[in-house]
Amino acid sequence: MPSSPSASKTQQKAIQKADTLIEALGWIRKFRDTTTVIKLGGSVVEHPDSLRHLLIDIVFLSTLGMRIVVVHGGGKAISRAMDKAGLEPRFVQGRRYTDAATLAIVEKVLATDLNHELVARIEEYGGRAMSLNFLSTNVLYGERLTLPGPDGTPLDLGHVGEVTRVDRLTIDNLTYAGQVPVIPSMATSADGEKLNVNADTAATAVAAAIGAEKLVVLSDIPGVLRDVNDPESLIHSLTAAEARRLIADGTISAGMIPKIEGCLETLDRGVRKIHIIDGRIRHSLLLEIYTTSGVGTELTRDDAVGLPSRPATAAAAR
């Protein structure tokens, strides 16, 4: 039998690319016609190159048949606009206090300027997208958020709200038609009041309402680390029960606790998988979804039987 001819360096590179595509094939088949909600935070929006690669990834996923919904915030851009207007940002228990002047800036910067820019960029890269904001079609409805103060009395947050209802039909119709709905984290109340909503909770509400297969949280952290000082200690896969154990033993601590607890609540609401990834890594979205080990942390429900699973560590993946 004749031996296989040796490949040149150029051919070897091409073969490696083909191997990557073959690795992705199973995941492409699995997630075709499923819905993924992507929460886009200000940390990614602030990095033009990272944002460009992320939006190209979204176009790629949509082209391969995945139904993509984007929910975005824009805290840093809002703070810059407030500073330019001579307004001092104030936060209450991590929420931006939103008076009438702040609300007007949030609406312009977040729900109009940034929202339209993201849609335009997706279409520039060959995708199809639609703004779902107050100027087109609003899909988030809510009520004022009340938080208890230290003495138990409600805290005044101004025009800050939480989502109580999502217009699923509008979102579904767009995704079935191959469009990417782009939703700012603002809502309207029953009496027409516009409300500033935390982007994480807005994305959670959307993912639960439309029965998403996945919620991908893009941030400036790599995921859950066993040792916060060692990036190589990234945990690639966790069940809800394992995540709770890591909170209890202190592995997950400080600012990661509320983020993970929020993810666990989202899993309880029916979303099957949540991915926490560093959106600043080039093509992190594709690497997380279409490779075996991924680049972030995947959280799954304890009853997620039959779902593709990944090794808990990169070493195991190899």
Protein backbone atom coordinates (compact mmCIF):
# COMPACT_ATOMS: atom_id res chain seq x y z
CA MET A 1 0.00 0.00 0.00
CA PRO A 2 1.52 3.40 -0.92
CA SER A 3 2.30 5.70 1.97
CA SER A 4 0.45 8.96 2.38
CA PRO A 5 2.36 11.89 0.91
CA SER A 6 3.83 14.30 3.45
CA ALA A 7 2.06 17.64 3.64
CA SER A 8 3.81 20.95 3.25
CA LYS A 9 3.63 23.53 6.04
CA THR A 10 0.95 25.42 4.12
CA GLN A 11 -1.05 22.21 3.67
CA GLN A 12 -0.63 21.33 7.36
CA LYS A 13 -2.15 24.67 8.33
CA ALA A 14 -5.05 24.04 5.97
CA ILE A 15 -5.53 20.55 7.42
CA GLN A 16 -5.62 21.97 10.95
CA LYS A 17 -8.36 24.35 9.84
CA ALA A 18 -10.29 21.43 8.36
CA ASP A 19 -9.86 19.46 11.61
CA THR A 20 -11.32 22.40 13.53
CA LEU A 21 -14.33 22.46 11.21
CA ILE A 22 -14.85 18.71 11.70
CA GLU A 23 -14.67 19.17 15.49
CA ALA A 24 -17.34 21.86 15.19
CA LEU A 25 -19.64 19.73 13.00
CA GLY A 26 -21.31 17.87 15.86
CA TRP A 27 -21.98 21.07 17.77
CA ILE A 28 -23.29 22.80 14.63
CA ARG A 29 -25.79 19.98 14.10
CA LYS A 30 -26.80 19.93 17.76
CA PHE A 31 -27.51 23.65 18.03
CA ARG A 32 -29.02 24.26 14.60
CA ASP A 33 -32.55 25.69 15.00
CA THR A 34 -32.03 26.27 18.74
CA THR A 35 -32.14 29.71 20.35
CA THR A 36 -29.24 31.38 22.13
CA VAL A 37 -29.52 34.66 24.02
CA ILE A 38 -26.31 36.68 24.15
CA LYS A 39 -25.94 39.25 26.92
CA LEU A 40 -23.57 41.93 25.68
CA GLY A 41 -22.06 44.07 28.41
CA GLY A 42 -20.34 47.42 28.33
CA SER A 43 -16.92 45.86 28.92
CA VAL A 44 -17.05 44.34 25.42
CA VAL A 45 -18.71 47.34 23.78
CA GLU A 46 -15.81 49.48 24.98
CA HIS A 47 -13.27 47.43 22.98
CA PRO A 48 -13.83 48.12 19.24
CA ASP A 49 -11.76 45.17 18.00
CA SER A 50 -13.40 42.73 20.42
CA LEU A 51 -16.83 44.02 19.47
CA ARG A 52 -16.07 43.60 15.76
CA HIS A 53 -15.04 39.96 16.18
CA LEU A 54 -18.03 39.29 18.43
CA LEU A 55 -20.52 40.67 15.91
CA ILE A 56 -18.85 38.66 13.13
CA ASP A 57 -19.26 35.57 15.34
CA ILE A 58 -22.97 36.39 15.72
CA VAL A 59 -23.36 36.62 11.94
CA PHE A 60 -21.53 33.28 11.59
CA LEU A 61 -23.76 31.54 14.16
CA SER A 62 -26.90 32.92 12.55
CA THR A 63 -25.72 31.80 9.11
CA LEU A 64 -25.27 28.26 10.45
CA GLY A 65 -28.89 28.16 11.57
CA MET A 66 -28.67 29.14 15.22
CA ARG A 67 -31.35 31.62 16.31
CA ILE A 68 -29.57 34.47 18.06
CA VAL A 69 -31.06 37.15 20.32
CA VAL A 70 -28.86 39.97 21.65
CA VAL A 71 -29.67 41.81 24.89
CA HIS A 72 -27.27 44.64 25.67
CA GLY A 73 -26.35 47.18 28.30
CA GLY A 74 -24.00 50.13 27.98
CA GLY A 75 -23.11 51.40 31.42
CA LYS A 76 -19.78 53.03 30.58
CA ALA A 77 -21.19 54.94 27.62
CA ILE A 78 -24.05 56.16 29.82
CA SER A 79 -21.61 57.33 32.50
CA ARG A 80 -19.59 59.26 29.88
CA ALA A 81 -22.72 60.95 28.57
CA MET A 82 -23.77 61.86 32.11
CA ASP A 83 -20.35 63.34 32.80
CA LYS A 84 -20.57 65.40 29.62
CA ALA A 85 -23.98 66.65 30.76
CA GLY A 86 -22.62 67.55 34.21
CA LEU A 87 -24.58 64.81 35.99
CA GLU A 88 -23.01 62.80 38.81
CA PRO A 89 -23.78 59.05 38.60
CA ARG A 90 -25.18 57.56 41.81
CA PHE A 91 -25.55 53.89 42.55
CA VAL A 92 -27.81 52.22 45.10
CA GLN A 93 -26.96 48.58 45.89
CA GLY A 94 -25.22 48.30 42.52
CA ARG A 95 -28.13 49.83 40.57
CA ARG A 96 -27.81 53.15 38.77
CA TYR A 97 -30.16 55.66 40.42
CA THR A 98 -32.25 56.92 37.53
CA ASP A 99 -33.96 60.29 37.82
CA ALA A 100 -35.67 61.96 34.85
CA ALA A 101 -32.47 63.51 33.49
CA THR A 102 -30.56 60.24 33.78
CA LEU A 103 -33.42 58.33 32.17
CA ALA A 104 -33.32 60.61 29.12
CA ILE A 105 -29.59 59.90 28.72
CA VAL A 106 -30.06 56.15 29.21
CA GLU A 107 -32.75 56.10 26.53
CA LYS A 108 -30.68 58.07 24.01
CA VAL A 109 -27.34 56.35 24.60
CA LEU A 110 -28.54 52.79 25.26
CA ALA A 111 -31.91 52.31 23.60
CA THR A 112 -31.26 54.49 20.56
CA ASP A 113 -27.63 55.24 19.64
CA LEU A 114 -25.92 52.02 20.77
CA ASN A 115 -28.87 49.83 19.80
CA HIS A 116 -28.94 51.20 16.25
CA GLU A 117 -25.15 51.00 15.96
CA LEU A 118 -25.11 47.29 16.88
CA VAL A 119 -27.80 46.52 14.30
CA ALA A 120 -25.97 48.51 11.63
CA ARG A 121 -22.70 46.72 12.38
CA ILE A 122 -24.30 43.25 12.21
CA GLU A 123 -25.76 44.11 8.81
CA GLU A 124 -22.44 45.57 7.69
CA TYR A 125 -20.85 42.17 8.38
CA GLY A 126 -23.44 40.37 6.29
CA GLY A 127 -26.10 39.51 8.86
CA ARG A 128 -29.73 40.55 9.27
CA ALA A 129 -30.76 42.32 12.47
CA MET A 130 -33.61 44.37 13.91
CA SER A 131 -33.70 47.03 16.63
CA LEU A 132 -36.38 46.34 19.22
CA ASN A 133 -36.53 49.64 21.07
CA PHE A 134 -38.97 52.45 21.90
CA LEU A 135 -38.68 53.85 18.36
CA SER A 136 -39.61 50.56 16.68
CA THR A 137 -41.16 47.73 18.71
CA ASN A 138 -40.69 47.46 22.46
CA VAL A 139 -40.67 43.86 23.75
CA LEU A 140 -39.79 44.29 27.44
CA TYR A 141 -42.46 45.23 29.97
CA GLY A 142 -41.99 45.68 33.67
CA GLU A 143 -42.60 47.51 36.89
CA ARG A 144 -40.55 49.65 39.23
CA LEU A 145 -37.97 47.70 41.19
CA THR A 146 -38.07 47.98 44.96
CA LEU A 147 -35.14 46.90 47.12
CA PRO A 148 -35.18 46.79 50.92
CA GLY A 149 -32.88 49.20 52.72
CA PRO A 150 -30.81 48.40 55.83
CA ASP A 151 -33.80 49.14 58.06
CA GLY A 152 -36.22 47.24 55.83
CA THR A 153 -37.83 50.30 54.25
CA PRO A 154 -37.92 50.40 50.41
CA LEU A 155 -35.06 52.22 48.70
CA ASP A 156 -35.79 54.87 46.08
CA LEU A 157 -34.12 53.92 42.79
CA GLY A 158 -36.02 56.32 40.56
CA HIS A 159 -36.98 54.97 37.13
CA VAL A 160 -35.36 51.57 37.66
CA GLY A 161 -37.36 48.47 36.87
CA GLU A 162 -37.47 44.73 36.48
CA VAL A 163 -38.93 42.77 33.59
CA THR A 164 -42.29 41.10 34.25
CA ARG A 165 -43.30 40.24 30.68
CA VAL A 166 -41.53 39.63 27.37
CA ASP A 167 -43.19 39.84 23.95
CA ARG A 168 -42.10 36.38 22.84
CA LEU A 169 -44.11 36.36 19.63
CA THR A 170 -42.26 39.33 18.14
CA ILE A 171 -38.86 37.88 19.05
CA ASP A 172 -39.74 34.41 17.74
CA ASN A 173 -41.07 35.77 14.44
CA LEU A 174 -37.80 37.60 13.82
CA THR A 175 -35.53 34.67 14.73
CA TYR A 176 -37.56 32.24 12.63
CA ALA A 177 -37.05 34.63 9.71
CA GLY A 178 -33.28 34.54 10.24
CA GLN A 179 -32.99 37.99 11.82
CA VAL A 180 -31.13 38.86 15.03
CA PRO A 181 -33.30 40.86 17.45
CA VAL A 182 -31.18 43.43 19.31
CA ILE A 183 -32.82 44.47 22.59
CA PRO A 184 -31.66 47.27 24.93
CA SER A 185 -32.08 46.71 28.66
CA MET A 186 -35.03 49.08 29.08
CA ALA A 187 -38.73 48.33 29.64
CA THR A 188 -42.07 50.10 29.87
CA SER A 189 -44.56 49.80 32.71
CA ALA A 190 -48.32 49.30 32.44
CA ASP A 191 -48.85 53.08 32.62
CA GLY A 192 -46.20 53.82 29.98
CA GLU A 193 -43.29 54.74 32.27
CA LYS A 194 -39.90 53.96 30.75
CA LEU A 195 -37.63 51.97 33.05
CA ASN A 196 -33.89 51.37 33.23
CA VAL A 197 -33.27 47.64 33.70
CA ASN A 198 -30.11 45.76 34.68
CA ALA A 199 -28.80 44.05 31.53
CA ASP A 200 -28.10 40.71 33.25
CA THR A 201 -31.64 40.44 34.61
CA ALA A 202 -33.11 41.59 31.27
CA ALA A 203 -31.18 38.88 29.42
CA THR A 204 -32.30 36.30 31.98
CA ALA A 205 -35.94 37.31 31.53
CA VAL A 206 -35.67 37.08 27.73
CA ALA A 207 -33.90 33.70 27.81
CA ALA A 208 -36.51 32.22 30.16
CA ALA A 209 -39.48 33.68 28.26
CA ILE A 210 -38.46 32.35 24.85
CA GLY A 211 -37.23 28.97 26.10
CA ALA A 212 -33.63 29.51 25.04
CA GLU A 213 -31.25 26.57 24.85
CA LYS A 214 -28.39 28.80 26.00
CA LEU A 215 -27.66 32.12 27.65
CA VAL A 216 -24.16 33.42 26.93
CA VAL A 217 -22.91 36.12 29.30
CA LEU A 218 -20.07 38.13 27.74
CA SER A 219 -17.97 39.99 30.27
CA ASP A 220 -14.36 40.84 31.12
CA ILE A 221 -13.76 37.70 33.21
CA PRO A 222 -12.76 34.26 31.83
CA GLY A 223 -15.30 32.28 33.87
CA VAL A 224 -15.03 30.39 37.17
CA LEU A 225 -11.47 29.84 38.40
CA ARG A 226 -10.43 27.39 41.13
CA ASP A 227 -7.63 29.87 41.93
CA VAL A 228 -8.41 33.51 41.09
CA ASN A 229 -4.69 34.15 40.60
CA ASP A 230 -4.25 31.31 38.08
CA PRO A 231 -5.98 31.68 34.68
CA GLU A 232 -5.06 28.04 33.94
CA SER A 233 -7.39 26.90 36.76
CA LEU A 234 -10.48 27.74 34.71
CA ILE A 235 -13.35 25.31 35.30
CA HIS A 236 -14.83 24.55 31.90
CA SER A 237 -18.02 22.82 33.03
CA LEU A 238 -20.15 22.91 36.20
CA THR A 239 -23.53 21.54 37.16
CA ALA A 240 -25.77 23.68 39.35
CA ALA A 241 -25.08 21.42 42.35
CA GLU A 242 -21.30 21.66 41.80
CA ALA A 243 -21.53 25.45 41.58
CA ARG A 244 -23.40 25.60 44.88
CA ARG A 245 -20.71 23.46 46.52
CA LEU A 246 -18.00 25.82 45.24
CA ILE A 247 -19.86 28.78 46.74
CA ALA A 248 -20.18 26.93 50.05
CA ASP A 249 -16.48 26.02 50.24
CA GLY A 250 -15.31 29.52 49.24
CA THR A 251 -13.87 28.65 45.80
CA ILE A 252 -16.45 30.98 44.29
CA SER A 253 -16.28 34.16 46.34
CA ALA A 254 -16.68 37.93 46.38
CA GLY A 255 -18.13 39.46 43.22
CA MET A 256 -18.53 36.11 41.47
CA ILE A 257 -21.14 34.93 43.98
CA PRO A 258 -24.02 37.16 42.80
CA LYS A 259 -23.14 36.44 39.15
CA ILE A 260 -23.22 32.67 39.69
CA GLU A 261 -26.33 32.88 41.88
CA GLY A 262 -28.01 34.80 39.07
CA CYS A 263 -26.99 32.04 36.65
CA LEU A 264 -28.44 29.39 38.96
CA GLU A 265 -31.73 31.26 39.13
CA THR A 266 -31.77 31.38 35.33
CA LEU A 267 -31.26 27.62 35.13
CA ASP A 268 -34.16 27.19 37.57
CA ARG A 269 -36.33 29.17 35.14
CA GLY A 270 -35.82 26.64 32.36
CA VAL A 271 -32.72 27.75 30.43
CA ARG A 272 -30.65 24.62 29.85
CA LYS A 273 -27.11 26.04 29.70
CA ILE A 274 -25.32 29.24 30.62
CA HIS A 275 -21.86 30.20 29.41
CA ILE A 276 -19.68 32.83 31.09
CA ILE A 277 -16.88 33.96 28.79
CA ASP A 278 -14.43 36.81 28.34
CA GLY A 279 -15.82 38.68 25.35
CA ARG A 280 -12.49 40.43 24.80
CA ILE A 281 -10.90 37.20 23.50
CA ARG A 282 -10.96 37.09 19.72
CA HIS A 283 -13.82 34.87 18.47
CA SER A 284 -14.55 33.75 22.05
CA LEU A 285 -18.18 33.09 21.12
CA LEU A 286 -17.33 30.60 18.38
CA LEU A 287 -14.64 28.94 20.49
CA GLU A 288 -17.03 28.52 23.41
CA ILE A 289 -19.90 27.04 21.42
CA TYR A 290 -18.17 25.06 18.66
CA THR A 291 -15.11 23.54 20.36
CA THR A 292 -14.97 20.70 22.88
CA SER A 293 -13.25 22.51 25.77
CA GLY A 294 -14.47 26.05 25.07
CA VAL A 295 -12.84 29.15 26.53
CA GLY A 296 -15.13 29.91 29.47
CA THR A 297 -17.30 28.21 32.06
CA GLU A 298 -20.44 26.30 31.08
CA LEU A 299 -23.13 25.87 33.74
CA THR A 300 -25.81 23.24 33.26
CA ARG A 301 -28.93 22.19 35.10
CA ASP A 302 -28.60 19.11 37.31
CA ASP A 303 -31.23 17.34 35.21
CA ALA A 304 -29.59 18.18 31.86
CA VAL A 305 -29.66 14.57 30.68
CA GLY A 306 -28.81 14.00 27.04
CA LEU A 307 -27.12 17.36 26.48
CA PRO A 308 -23.60 17.37 25.03
CA SER A 309 -21.15 17.78 27.88
CA ARG A 310 -17.58 18.93 28.02
CA PRO A 311 -14.72 17.96 30.32
CA ALA A 312 -14.39 20.07 33.45
CA THR A 313 -10.81 21.06 32.62
CA ALA A 314 -8.83 21.81 29.51
CA ALA A 315 -6.38 19.06 30.42
CA ALA A 316 -9.19 16.50 30.39
CA ALA A 317 -10.35 17.83 27.03
CA ARG A 318 -6.98 17.09 25.56
